[in-house]
Amino acid sequence: MKAAWLIAQREFVRYFYGWSGYVILAAHLLLSGLLFNGYALGNQPKFSQQVLEDYLYFASGMAMITGVLLAMRLIAEERQGNTLVLLRSAPVSERAVIWGKFLSAVGFLALTLLVSLYLPAMIFVNGKVSLLHIFAGHVGLLLLGATAAAVGLLASVWSRTQLMAGVLGGAMVTLLLIAWMLAQISEAPLRTLLNQLALHNLHFRSFRGGVLHLRDLAYYLGAIVLFLEAATQSLAAWRWRE
């Protein structure tokens, strides 16, 4: 765990060394602000709770995109720079590498969500919402973005370039998103299975409504562990092949 934490610290700082971290943060804030004013607030009067729920809805999409973008470089960048071969002689396990890099992406995602808290805070100018609703919603955003980051990290292990990792990670997240659509044209028990596997539709609903449901917490945490374990085994397989 100590090795994973050291890797996480190093990778987190690297987001600020180049342009990628600043661009992702700025783009997230800009698009979130535009969507908040154009979609959540809109032109029609709304109850404050509805404004918050609408904000959380589009913010969930931003969290997933940000998660994939943050994770796509984590392994693919090292492969492009021919530094991944150093893992063969490094005294750290594949699991420490994967978890360390994942925690760095989640840390930057958490920072992004923290900075964007000014948007739901604007609701208090002319309305009132529960702070617990805001808290639960942002827990959901963090878990959703972290799951997307875990998927993106797996794609990064499988890819030779960052662009390929981004495209593959985005495609994988999209498949998990549209699982609920496939459920609508499927028969039971496949319908139930697809609904439960869908990344957003069923499991984010409770967070959007301001409720922390154990079932949905378990789903996202389980998905994160599953994808990170797949990334760990994939990285280990590459290490042995080389």
C-alpha atoms as a PDB file:
ATOM      1  CA  MET A   1       0.000   0.000   0.000  1.00  0.00           C
ATOM      2  CA  LYS A   2       2.913   2.356   0.704  1.00  0.00           C
ATOM      3  CA  ALA A   3       4.238   1.872  -2.829  1.00  0.00           C
ATOM      4  CA  ALA A   4       0.790   2.560  -4.299  1.00  0.00           C
ATOM      5  CA  TRP A   5       0.494   5.745  -2.243  1.00  0.00           C
ATOM      6  CA  LEU A   6       3.908   6.989  -3.394  1.00  0.00           C
ATOM      7  CA  ILE A   7       2.985   6.302  -7.019  1.00  0.00           C
ATOM      8  CA  ALA A   8      -0.326   8.109  -6.509  1.00  0.00           C
ATOM      9  CA  GLN A   9       1.450  11.182  -5.149  1.00  0.00           C
ATOM     10  CA  ARG A  10       3.920  11.241  -8.029  1.00  0.00           C
ATOM     11  CA  GLU A  11       1.251  10.805 -10.692  1.00  0.00           C
ATOM     12  CA  PHE A  12      -1.037  13.391  -9.110  1.00  0.00           C
ATOM     13  CA  VAL A  13       1.708  16.019  -9.235  1.00  0.00           C
ATOM     14  CA  ARG A  14       2.418  15.124 -12.871  1.00  0.00           C
ATOM     15  CA  TYR A  15      -1.022  16.416 -13.848  1.00  0.00           C
ATOM     16  CA  PHE A  16       0.268  19.906 -13.002  1.00  0.00           C
ATOM     17  CA  TYR A  17       3.619  19.541 -14.775  1.00  0.00           C
ATOM     18  CA  GLY A  18       2.137  19.455 -18.267  1.00  0.00           C
ATOM     19  CA  TRP A  19      -0.837  21.041 -19.983  1.00  0.00           C
ATOM     20  CA  SER A  20      -3.237  18.092 -19.796  1.00  0.00           C
ATOM     21  CA  GLY A  21      -4.334  18.566 -16.186  1.00  0.00           C
ATOM     22  CA  TYR A  22      -5.026  22.267 -16.618  1.00  0.00           C
ATOM     23  CA  VAL A  23      -6.881  21.730 -19.895  1.00  0.00           C
ATOM     24  CA  ILE A  24      -9.081  18.991 -18.422  1.00  0.00           C
ATOM     25  CA  LEU A  25      -9.844  21.105 -15.341  1.00  0.00           C
ATOM     26  CA  ALA A  26     -10.600  24.229 -17.382  1.00  0.00           C
ATOM     27  CA  ALA A  27     -12.753  22.352 -19.909  1.00  0.00           C
ATOM     28  CA  HIS A  28     -14.698  20.641 -17.127  1.00  0.00           C
ATOM     29  CA  LEU A  29     -15.421  23.944 -15.382  1.00  0.00           C
ATOM     30  CA  LEU A  30     -16.296  25.771 -18.599  1.00  0.00           C
ATOM     31  CA  LEU A  31     -18.683  23.133 -19.922  1.00  0.00           C
ATOM     32  CA  SER A  32     -20.236  22.574 -16.494  1.00  0.00           C
ATOM     33  CA  GLY A  33     -20.873  26.302 -16.149  1.00  0.00           C
ATOM     34  CA  LEU A  34     -22.446  26.551 -19.595  1.00  0.00           C
ATOM     35  CA  LEU A  35     -24.658  23.518 -19.001  1.00  0.00           C
ATOM     36  CA  PHE A  36     -25.661  24.745 -15.550  1.00  0.00           C
ATOM     37  CA  ASN A  37     -26.821  28.099 -16.885  1.00  0.00           C
ATOM     38  CA  GLY A  38     -28.350  26.784 -20.089  1.00  0.00           C
ATOM     39  CA  TYR A  39     -29.870  23.519 -18.910  1.00  0.00           C
ATOM     40  CA  ALA A  40     -30.195  23.330 -15.117  1.00  0.00           C
ATOM     41  CA  LEU A  41     -31.351  26.923 -14.608  1.00  0.00           C
ATOM     42  CA  GLY A  42     -32.947  27.331 -18.037  1.00  0.00           C
ATOM     43  CA  ASN A  43     -35.536  29.955 -18.892  1.00  0.00           C
ATOM     44  CA  GLN A  44     -38.478  28.434 -17.029  1.00  0.00           C
ATOM     45  CA  PRO A  45     -39.023  28.708 -13.254  1.00  0.00           C
ATOM     46  CA  LYS A  46     -38.032  25.540 -11.386  1.00  0.00           C
ATOM     47  CA  PHE A  47     -37.983  24.308  -7.836  1.00  0.00           C
ATOM     48  CA  SER A  48     -34.493  24.410  -6.345  1.00  0.00           C
ATOM     49  CA  GLN A  49     -34.426  20.632  -5.942  1.00  0.00           C
ATOM     50  CA  GLN A  50     -35.183  20.178  -9.646  1.00  0.00           C
ATOM     51  CA  VAL A  51     -32.361  22.562 -10.557  1.00  0.00           C
ATOM     52  CA  LEU A  52     -29.952  20.510  -8.446  1.00  0.00           C
ATOM     53  CA  GLU A  53     -31.132  17.212  -9.927  1.00  0.00           C
ATOM     54  CA  ASP A  54     -30.755  18.585 -13.449  1.00  0.00           C
ATOM     55  CA  TYR A  55     -27.263  19.793 -12.571  1.00  0.00           C
ATOM     56  CA  LEU A  56     -26.287  16.378 -11.213  1.00  0.00           C
ATOM     57  CA  TYR A  57     -27.637  14.743 -14.361  1.00  0.00           C
ATOM     58  CA  PHE A  58     -25.384  16.598 -16.793  1.00  0.00           C
ATOM     59  CA  ALA A  59     -22.520  16.704 -14.271  1.00  0.00           C
ATOM     60  CA  SER A  60     -22.585  12.901 -14.267  1.00  0.00           C
ATOM     61  CA  GLY A  61     -21.728  12.921 -17.964  1.00  0.00           C
ATOM     62  CA  MET A  62     -18.904  15.376 -17.355  1.00  0.00           C
ATOM     63  CA  ALA A  63     -17.579  13.186 -14.520  1.00  0.00           C
ATOM     64  CA  MET A  64     -17.430  10.123 -16.768  1.00  0.00           C
ATOM     65  CA  ILE A  65     -15.699  11.985 -19.588  1.00  0.00           C
ATOM     66  CA  THR A  66     -13.218  13.520 -17.157  1.00  0.00           C
ATOM     67  CA  GLY A  67     -12.515  10.122 -15.596  1.00  0.00           C
ATOM     68  CA  VAL A  68     -11.646   8.560 -18.953  1.00  0.00           C
ATOM     69  CA  LEU A  69      -9.498  11.541 -19.996  1.00  0.00           C
ATOM     70  CA  LEU A  70      -7.556  11.468 -16.737  1.00  0.00           C
ATOM     71  CA  ALA A  71      -6.896   7.734 -16.944  1.00  0.00           C
ATOM     72  CA  MET A  72      -6.098   7.296 -20.629  1.00  0.00           C
ATOM     73  CA  ARG A  73      -2.498   8.498 -20.291  1.00  0.00           C
ATOM     74  CA  LEU A  74      -1.546   6.587 -17.152  1.00  0.00           C
ATOM     75  CA  ILE A  75      -0.049   3.517 -18.841  1.00  0.00           C
ATOM     76  CA  ALA A  76      -0.216   4.370 -22.555  1.00  0.00           C
ATOM     77  CA  GLU A  77       1.952   7.464 -22.035  1.00  0.00           C
ATOM     78  CA  GLU A  78       4.692   5.370 -20.460  1.00  0.00           C
ATOM     79  CA  ARG A  79       4.459   2.864 -23.281  1.00  0.00           C
ATOM     80  CA  GLN A  80       4.794   5.676 -25.832  1.00  0.00           C
ATOM     81  CA  GLY A  81       7.806   7.068 -23.986  1.00  0.00           C
ATOM     82  CA  ASN A  82       9.417   3.627 -23.660  1.00  0.00           C
ATOM     83  CA  THR A  83       9.503   3.978 -19.879  1.00  0.00           C
ATOM     84  CA  LEU A  84       7.086   1.144 -19.207  1.00  0.00           C
ATOM     85  CA  VAL A  85       9.932  -1.361 -19.597  1.00  0.00           C
ATOM     86  CA  LEU A  86      11.300  -0.053 -16.298  1.00  0.00           C
ATOM     87  CA  LEU A  87       8.472  -1.951 -14.605  1.00  0.00           C
ATOM     88  CA  ARG A  88      10.274  -5.183 -15.373  1.00  0.00           C
ATOM     89  CA  SER A  89      12.999  -4.329 -12.876  1.00  0.00           C
ATOM     90  CA  ALA A  90      11.031  -2.080 -10.538  1.00  0.00           C
ATOM     91  CA  PRO A  91      10.579  -3.441  -6.980  1.00  0.00           C
ATOM     92  CA  VAL A  92       6.828  -2.806  -7.025  1.00  0.00           C
ATOM     93  CA  SER A  93       3.935  -5.070  -7.866  1.00  0.00           C
ATOM     94  CA  GLU A  94       1.581  -4.567 -10.779  1.00  0.00           C
ATOM     95  CA  ARG A  95      -1.253  -4.052  -8.305  1.00  0.00           C
ATOM     96  CA  ALA A  96       0.627  -1.208  -6.609  1.00  0.00           C
ATOM     97  CA  VAL A  97       1.249   0.436  -9.990  1.00  0.00           C
ATOM     98  CA  ILE A  98      -2.389   0.163 -11.060  1.00  0.00           C
ATOM     99  CA  TRP A  99      -3.867   1.299  -7.755  1.00  0.00           C
ATOM    100  CA  GLY A 100      -1.377   4.121  -7.395  1.00  0.00           C
ATOM    101  CA  LYS A 101      -2.120   5.494 -10.844  1.00  0.00           C
ATOM    102  CA  PHE A 102      -5.856   5.048 -10.297  1.00  0.00           C
ATOM    103  CA  LEU A 103      -5.774   6.941  -6.997  1.00  0.00           C
ATOM    104  CA  SER A 104      -3.965   9.827  -8.681  1.00  0.00           C
ATOM    105  CA  ALA A 105      -6.728  10.105 -11.291  1.00  0.00           C
ATOM    106  CA  VAL A 106      -9.446   9.911  -8.628  1.00  0.00           C
ATOM    107  CA  GLY A 107      -7.636  12.543  -6.581  1.00  0.00           C
ATOM    108  CA  PHE A 108      -7.576  14.940  -9.525  1.00  0.00           C
ATOM    109  CA  LEU A 109     -11.217  14.145 -10.274  1.00  0.00           C
ATOM    110  CA  ALA A 110     -12.118  14.919  -6.649  1.00  0.00           C
ATOM    111  CA  LEU A 111     -10.267  18.234  -6.955  1.00  0.00           C
ATOM    112  CA  THR A 112     -12.220  19.044 -10.117  1.00  0.00           C
ATOM    113  CA  LEU A 113     -15.546  18.288  -8.423  1.00  0.00           C
ATOM    114  CA  LEU A 114     -14.520  20.318  -5.386  1.00  0.00           C
ATOM    115  CA  VAL A 115     -13.690  23.367  -7.510  1.00  0.00           C
ATOM    116  CA  SER A 116     -17.009  23.055  -9.364  1.00  0.00           C
ATOM    117  CA  LEU A 117     -19.020  23.122  -6.122  1.00  0.00           C
ATOM    118  CA  TYR A 118     -19.626  26.816  -6.705  1.00  0.00           C
ATOM    119  CA  LEU A 119     -22.265  25.846  -9.289  1.00  0.00           C
ATOM    120  CA  PRO A 120     -24.745  24.098  -6.958  1.00  0.00           C
ATOM    121  CA  ALA A 121     -23.902  26.756  -4.353  1.00  0.00           C
ATOM    122  CA  MET A 122     -25.401  29.350  -6.722  1.00  0.00           C
ATOM    123  CA  ILE A 123     -28.803  27.751  -6.112  1.00  0.00           C
ATOM    124  CA  PHE A 124     -28.794  29.351  -2.644  1.00  0.00           C
ATOM    125  CA  VAL A 125     -28.895  32.812  -4.243  1.00  0.00           C
ATOM    126  CA  ASN A 126     -32.594  32.480  -5.044  1.00  0.00           C
ATOM    127  CA  GLY A 127     -33.514  29.169  -3.469  1.00  0.00           C
ATOM    128  CA  LYS A 128     -32.705  26.517  -0.921  1.00  0.00           C
ATOM    129  CA  VAL A 129     -31.618  22.880  -1.167  1.00  0.00           C
ATOM    130  CA  SER A 130     -30.410  20.315   1.319  1.00  0.00           C
ATOM    131  CA  LEU A 131     -26.660  20.170   1.896  1.00  0.00           C
ATOM    132  CA  LEU A 132     -27.043  16.410   2.305  1.00  0.00           C
ATOM    133  CA  HIS A 133     -28.552  16.281  -1.199  1.00  0.00           C
ATOM    134  CA  ILE A 134     -25.511  18.094  -2.573  1.00  0.00           C
ATOM    135  CA  PHE A 135     -23.194  15.779  -0.621  1.00  0.00           C
ATOM    136  CA  ALA A 136     -24.929  12.584  -1.776  1.00  0.00           C
ATOM    137  CA  GLY A 137     -24.998  13.806  -5.357  1.00  0.00           C
ATOM    138  CA  HIS A 138     -21.278  14.529  -5.368  1.00  0.00           C
ATOM    139  CA  VAL A 139     -20.475  11.167  -3.788  1.00  0.00           C
ATOM    140  CA  GLY A 140     -22.321   9.677  -6.755  1.00  0.00           C
ATOM    141  CA  LEU A 141     -20.400  11.881  -9.200  1.00  0.00           C
ATOM    142  CA  LEU A 142     -17.091  10.812  -7.663  1.00  0.00           C
ATOM    143  CA  LEU A 143     -17.998   7.116  -7.764  1.00  0.00           C
ATOM    144  CA  LEU A 144     -19.280   7.366 -11.336  1.00  0.00           C
ATOM    145  CA  GLY A 145     -16.180   9.233 -12.492  1.00  0.00           C
ATOM    146  CA  ALA A 146     -13.924   6.817 -10.600  1.00  0.00           C
ATOM    147  CA  THR A 147     -15.589   3.861 -12.313  1.00  0.00           C
ATOM    148  CA  ALA A 148     -15.040   5.517 -15.692  1.00  0.00           C
ATOM    149  CA  ALA A 149     -11.408   6.125 -14.697  1.00  0.00           C
ATOM    150  CA  ALA A 150     -10.994   2.434 -13.828  1.00  0.00           C
ATOM    151  CA  VAL A 151     -12.371   1.525 -17.261  1.00  0.00           C
ATOM    152  CA  GLY A 152     -10.069   4.100 -18.869  1.00  0.00           C
ATOM    153  CA  LEU A 153      -7.072   2.703 -16.995  1.00  0.00           C
ATOM    154  CA  LEU A 154      -7.825  -0.794 -18.281  1.00  0.00           C
ATOM    155  CA  ALA A 155      -8.049   0.655 -21.794  1.00  0.00           C
ATOM    156  CA  SER A 156      -4.718   2.409 -21.210  1.00  0.00           C
ATOM    157  CA  VAL A 157      -3.072  -0.910 -20.313  1.00  0.00           C
ATOM    158  CA  TRP A 158      -4.423  -2.430 -23.523  1.00  0.00           C
ATOM    159  CA  SER A 159      -3.409   0.479 -25.776  1.00  0.00           C
ATOM    160  CA  ARG A 160      -0.163   1.627 -27.361  1.00  0.00           C
ATOM    161  CA  THR A 161      -1.074   5.314 -27.540  1.00  0.00           C
ATOM    162  CA  GLN A 162      -3.050   7.758 -25.427  1.00  0.00           C
ATOM    163  CA  LEU A 163      -5.436   8.444 -28.297  1.00  0.00           C
ATOM    164  CA  MET A 164      -6.173   4.755 -28.679  1.00  0.00           C
ATOM    165  CA  ALA A 165      -6.697   4.468 -24.922  1.00  0.00           C
ATOM    166  CA  GLY A 166      -9.121   7.400 -24.948  1.00  0.00           C
ATOM    167  CA  VAL A 167     -11.145   5.990 -27.834  1.00  0.00           C
ATOM    168  CA  LEU A 168     -11.219   2.484 -26.368  1.00  0.00           C
ATOM    169  CA  GLY A 169     -12.062   3.728 -22.874  1.00  0.00           C
ATOM    170  CA  GLY A 170     -14.830   5.940 -24.230  1.00  0.00           C
ATOM    171  CA  ALA A 171     -16.274   3.046 -26.220  1.00  0.00           C
ATOM    172  CA  MET A 172     -16.236   0.746 -23.185  1.00  0.00           C
ATOM    173  CA  VAL A 173     -17.957   3.334 -20.995  1.00  0.00           C
ATOM    174  CA  THR A 174     -20.533   3.937 -23.728  1.00  0.00           C
ATOM    175  CA  LEU A 175     -21.334   0.216 -23.859  1.00  0.00           C
ATOM    176  CA  LEU A 176     -21.883   0.219 -20.107  1.00  0.00           C
ATOM    177  CA  LEU A 177     -24.093   3.282 -20.456  1.00  0.00           C
ATOM    178  CA  ILE A 178     -26.376   1.887 -23.165  1.00  0.00           C
ATOM    179  CA  ALA A 179     -26.866  -1.442 -21.405  1.00  0.00           C
ATOM    180  CA  TRP A 180     -30.174  -0.121 -20.048  1.00  0.00           C
ATOM    181  CA  MET A 181     -31.327   0.627 -23.607  1.00  0.00           C
ATOM    182  CA  LEU A 182     -30.579  -2.946 -24.608  1.00  0.00           C
ATOM    183  CA  ALA A 183     -32.558  -4.056 -21.562  1.00  0.00           C
ATOM    184  CA  GLN A 184     -35.681  -2.388 -22.962  1.00  0.00           C
ATOM    185  CA  ILE A 185     -35.691  -4.746 -25.960  1.00  0.00           C
ATOM    186  CA  SER A 186     -34.673  -7.850 -24.017  1.00  0.00           C
ATOM    187  CA  GLU A 187     -36.681 -10.483 -22.199  1.00  0.00           C
ATOM    188  CA  ALA A 188     -36.312 -11.461 -18.564  1.00  0.00           C
ATOM    189  CA  PRO A 189     -33.958 -12.456 -16.973  1.00  0.00           C
ATOM    190  CA  LEU A 190     -31.580 -10.767 -19.460  1.00  0.00           C
ATOM    191  CA  ARG A 191     -33.473  -7.493 -19.016  1.00  0.00           C
ATOM    192  CA  THR A 192     -32.848  -7.505 -15.272  1.00  0.00           C
ATOM    193  CA  LEU A 193     -29.182  -8.359 -15.766  1.00  0.00           C
ATOM    194  CA  LEU A 194     -28.597  -5.556 -18.275  1.00  0.00           C
ATOM    195  CA  ASN A 195     -30.388  -3.036 -16.062  1.00  0.00           C
ATOM    196  CA  GLN A 196     -28.161  -3.997 -13.142  1.00  0.00           C
ATOM    197  CA  LEU A 197     -25.006  -3.790 -15.267  1.00  0.00           C
ATOM    198  CA  ALA A 198     -25.821  -0.360 -16.728  1.00  0.00           C
ATOM    199  CA  LEU A 199     -23.392   2.248 -15.453  1.00  0.00           C
ATOM    200  CA  HIS A 200     -25.754   5.182 -15.022  1.00  0.00           C
ATOM    201  CA  ASN A 201     -29.500   4.779 -15.445  1.00  0.00           C
ATOM    202  CA  LEU A 202     -30.447   2.712 -12.393  1.00  0.00           C
ATOM    203  CA  HIS A 203     -27.510   3.118 -10.035  1.00  0.00           C
ATOM    204  CA  PHE A 204     -26.990   6.885 -10.267  1.00  0.00           C
ATOM    205  CA  ARG A 205     -30.681   7.649  -9.786  1.00  0.00           C
ATOM    206  CA  SER A 206     -30.537   7.458  -5.989  1.00  0.00           C
ATOM    207  CA  PHE A 207     -27.513   9.777  -5.773  1.00  0.00           C
ATOM    208  CA  ARG A 208     -29.238  12.259  -8.065  1.00  0.00           C
ATOM    209  CA  GLY A 209     -32.194  12.234  -5.687  1.00  0.00           C
ATOM    210  CA  GLY A 210     -29.945  12.836  -2.675  1.00  0.00           C
ATOM    211  CA  VAL A 211     -29.991   9.288  -1.293  1.00  0.00           C
ATOM    212  CA  LEU A 212     -26.975   7.102  -0.467  1.00  0.00           C
ATOM    213  CA  HIS A 213     -28.198   3.598  -1.267  1.00  0.00           C
ATOM    214  CA  LEU A 214     -25.997   0.677  -0.174  1.00  0.00           C
ATOM    215  CA  ARG A 215     -26.868  -1.275  -3.335  1.00  0.00           C
ATOM    216  CA  ASP A 216     -25.568   1.480  -5.588  1.00  0.00           C
ATOM    217  CA  LEU A 217     -22.478   2.106  -3.474  1.00  0.00           C
ATOM    218  CA  ALA A 218     -21.663  -1.605  -3.708  1.00  0.00           C
ATOM    219  CA  TYR A 219     -22.199  -1.588  -7.480  1.00  0.00           C
ATOM    220  CA  TYR A 220     -19.722   1.222  -8.173  1.00  0.00           C
ATOM    221  CA  LEU A 221     -17.120  -0.006  -5.690  1.00  0.00           C
ATOM    222  CA  GLY A 222     -17.416  -3.537  -7.068  1.00  0.00           C
ATOM    223  CA  ALA A 223     -17.075  -2.295 -10.653  1.00  0.00           C
ATOM    224  CA  ILE A 224     -13.974  -0.295  -9.716  1.00  0.00           C
ATOM    225  CA  VAL A 225     -12.307  -3.304  -8.094  1.00  0.00           C
ATOM    226  CA  LEU A 226     -13.245  -5.523 -11.050  1.00  0.00           C
ATOM    227  CA  PHE A 227     -11.779  -3.218 -13.703  1.00  0.00           C
ATOM    228  CA  LEU A 228      -8.660  -2.484 -11.665  1.00  0.00           C
ATOM    229  CA  GLU A 229      -8.062  -6.189 -11.128  1.00  0.00           C
ATOM    230  CA  ALA A 230      -8.457  -6.757 -14.877  1.00  0.00           C
ATOM    231  CA  ALA A 231      -5.928  -3.964 -15.474  1.00  0.00           C
ATOM    232  CA  THR A 232      -3.551  -5.524 -12.927  1.00  0.00           C
ATOM    233  CA  GLN A 233      -3.704  -8.944 -14.567  1.00  0.00           C
ATOM    234  CA  SER A 234      -3.317  -7.427 -18.040  1.00  0.00           C
ATOM    235  CA  LEU A 235      -0.240  -5.490 -16.932  1.00  0.00           C
ATOM    236  CA  ALA A 236       1.198  -8.617 -15.305  1.00  0.00           C
ATOM    237  CA  ALA A 237       0.629 -10.590 -18.513  1.00  0.00           C
ATOM    238  CA  TRP A 238       2.457  -7.910 -20.523  1.00  0.00           C
ATOM    239  CA  ARG A 239       5.308  -7.963 -18.025  1.00  0.00           C
ATOM    240  CA  TRP A 240       5.774 -11.705 -18.394  1.00  0.00           C
ATOM    241  CA  ARG A 241       5.548 -11.587 -22.197  1.00  0.00           C
ATOM    242  CA  GLU A 242       8.301  -9.025 -22.339  1.00  0.00           C
END
